[in-house]
Amino acid sequence: VDDYNRWRGTSFSPRDCLGNRELSVKICRSYIDYYATEKRLWRIPTDEDKARTWNCGPNGWKKKITIAYWEKVRRVLD
């Protein structure tokens, strides 16, 4: 939410996202579009890259700690 606020000049708090699916999805997509890019990853981002980035920050796509989160997301996508 802090990154989104900085980019958009807004002042949302994490609490504003609770129960607000539209805002939550908007912030999530914006975060992924900002950080999970071909320029940053040196290749076209996969769904795995996007999920792992969302889970653990800008470099989450390469952190082993995010693998379990990706597995949960993958099961939903399959």
Protein backbone atom coordinates (compact mmCIF):
# COMPACT_ATOMS: atom_id res chain seq x y z
CA VAL A 1 0.00 0.00 0.00
CA ASP A 2 2.89 2.37 0.74
CA ASP A 3 4.33 1.93 -2.75
CA TYR A 4 0.91 2.42 -4.34
CA ASN A 5 0.34 5.58 -2.31
CA ARG A 6 3.72 6.94 -3.36
CA TRP A 7 3.08 6.25 -7.07
CA ARG A 8 -0.50 7.49 -7.10
CA GLY A 9 -0.38 10.26 -4.50
CA THR A 10 -3.03 8.53 -2.40
CA SER A 11 -3.17 7.78 1.32
CA PHE A 12 -4.72 4.32 1.66
CA SER A 13 -3.89 2.15 4.63
CA PRO A 14 -3.83 -1.66 4.71
CA ARG A 15 -7.03 -1.44 6.73
CA ASP A 16 -8.75 0.25 3.76
CA CYS A 17 -8.20 -2.94 1.77
CA LEU A 18 -9.98 -5.17 4.29
CA GLY A 19 -13.30 -6.16 2.77
CA ASN A 20 -12.66 -3.95 -0.26
CA ARG A 21 -11.90 -6.40 -3.05
CA GLU A 22 -11.88 -3.75 -5.76
CA LEU A 23 -9.21 -1.67 -4.00
CA SER A 24 -7.21 -4.75 -3.03
CA VAL A 25 -7.11 -6.05 -6.61
CA LYS A 26 -6.26 -2.59 -7.95
CA ILE A 27 -3.30 -2.25 -5.60
CA CYS A 28 -2.14 -5.83 -6.23
CA ARG A 29 -2.21 -5.41 -10.01
CA SER A 30 -0.44 -2.07 -9.80
CA TYR A 31 2.29 -3.55 -7.59
CA ILE A 32 2.82 -6.52 -9.89
CA ASP A 33 2.82 -4.33 -13.01
CA TYR A 34 5.43 -2.09 -11.41
CA TYR A 35 7.82 -4.73 -10.10
CA ALA A 36 7.30 -7.91 -12.14
CA THR A 37 8.45 -6.54 -15.47
CA GLU A 38 10.56 -7.85 -18.30
CA LYS A 39 13.03 -5.02 -17.68
CA ARG A 40 13.55 -6.01 -14.03
CA LEU A 41 13.56 -9.79 -14.55
CA TRP A 42 15.39 -9.78 -17.91
CA ARG A 43 12.64 -11.99 -19.33
CA ILE A 44 8.87 -12.05 -19.68
CA PRO A 45 7.41 -12.49 -16.18
CA THR A 46 5.47 -15.67 -15.51
CA ASP A 47 2.51 -16.12 -13.19
CA GLU A 48 4.99 -17.58 -10.73
CA ASP A 49 7.15 -14.45 -10.86
CA LYS A 50 4.11 -12.26 -10.30
CA ALA A 51 2.79 -14.27 -7.36
CA ARG A 52 6.17 -14.49 -5.67
CA THR A 53 6.78 -10.76 -6.16
CA TRP A 54 3.40 -9.96 -4.63
CA ASN A 55 4.13 -12.26 -1.70
CA CYS A 56 7.60 -11.01 -0.77
CA GLY A 57 8.35 -7.70 -2.45
CA PRO A 58 10.23 -6.51 -5.49
CA ASN A 59 12.74 -9.36 -5.43
CA GLY A 60 10.36 -12.00 -4.11
CA TRP A 61 10.44 -13.78 -7.47
CA LYS A 62 13.93 -15.07 -6.63
CA LYS A 63 13.57 -15.77 -2.90
CA LYS A 64 13.20 -19.40 -1.86
CA ILE A 65 10.84 -18.40 0.94
CA THR A 66 8.14 -17.59 -1.67
CA ILE A 67 8.09 -21.05 -3.26
CA ALA A 68 5.45 -22.38 -0.85
CA TYR A 69 3.21 -19.38 -1.58
CA TRP A 70 3.60 -20.00 -5.31
CA GLU A 71 2.60 -23.63 -4.86
CA LYS A 72 -0.65 -22.53 -3.21
CA VAL A 73 -1.34 -20.06 -6.02
CA ARG A 74 -0.46 -22.65 -8.67
CA ARG A 75 -2.99 -25.11 -7.25
CA VAL A 76 -5.72 -22.47 -7.55
CA LEU A 77 -4.71 -21.60 -11.13
CA ASP A 78 -4.60 -25.23 -12.30
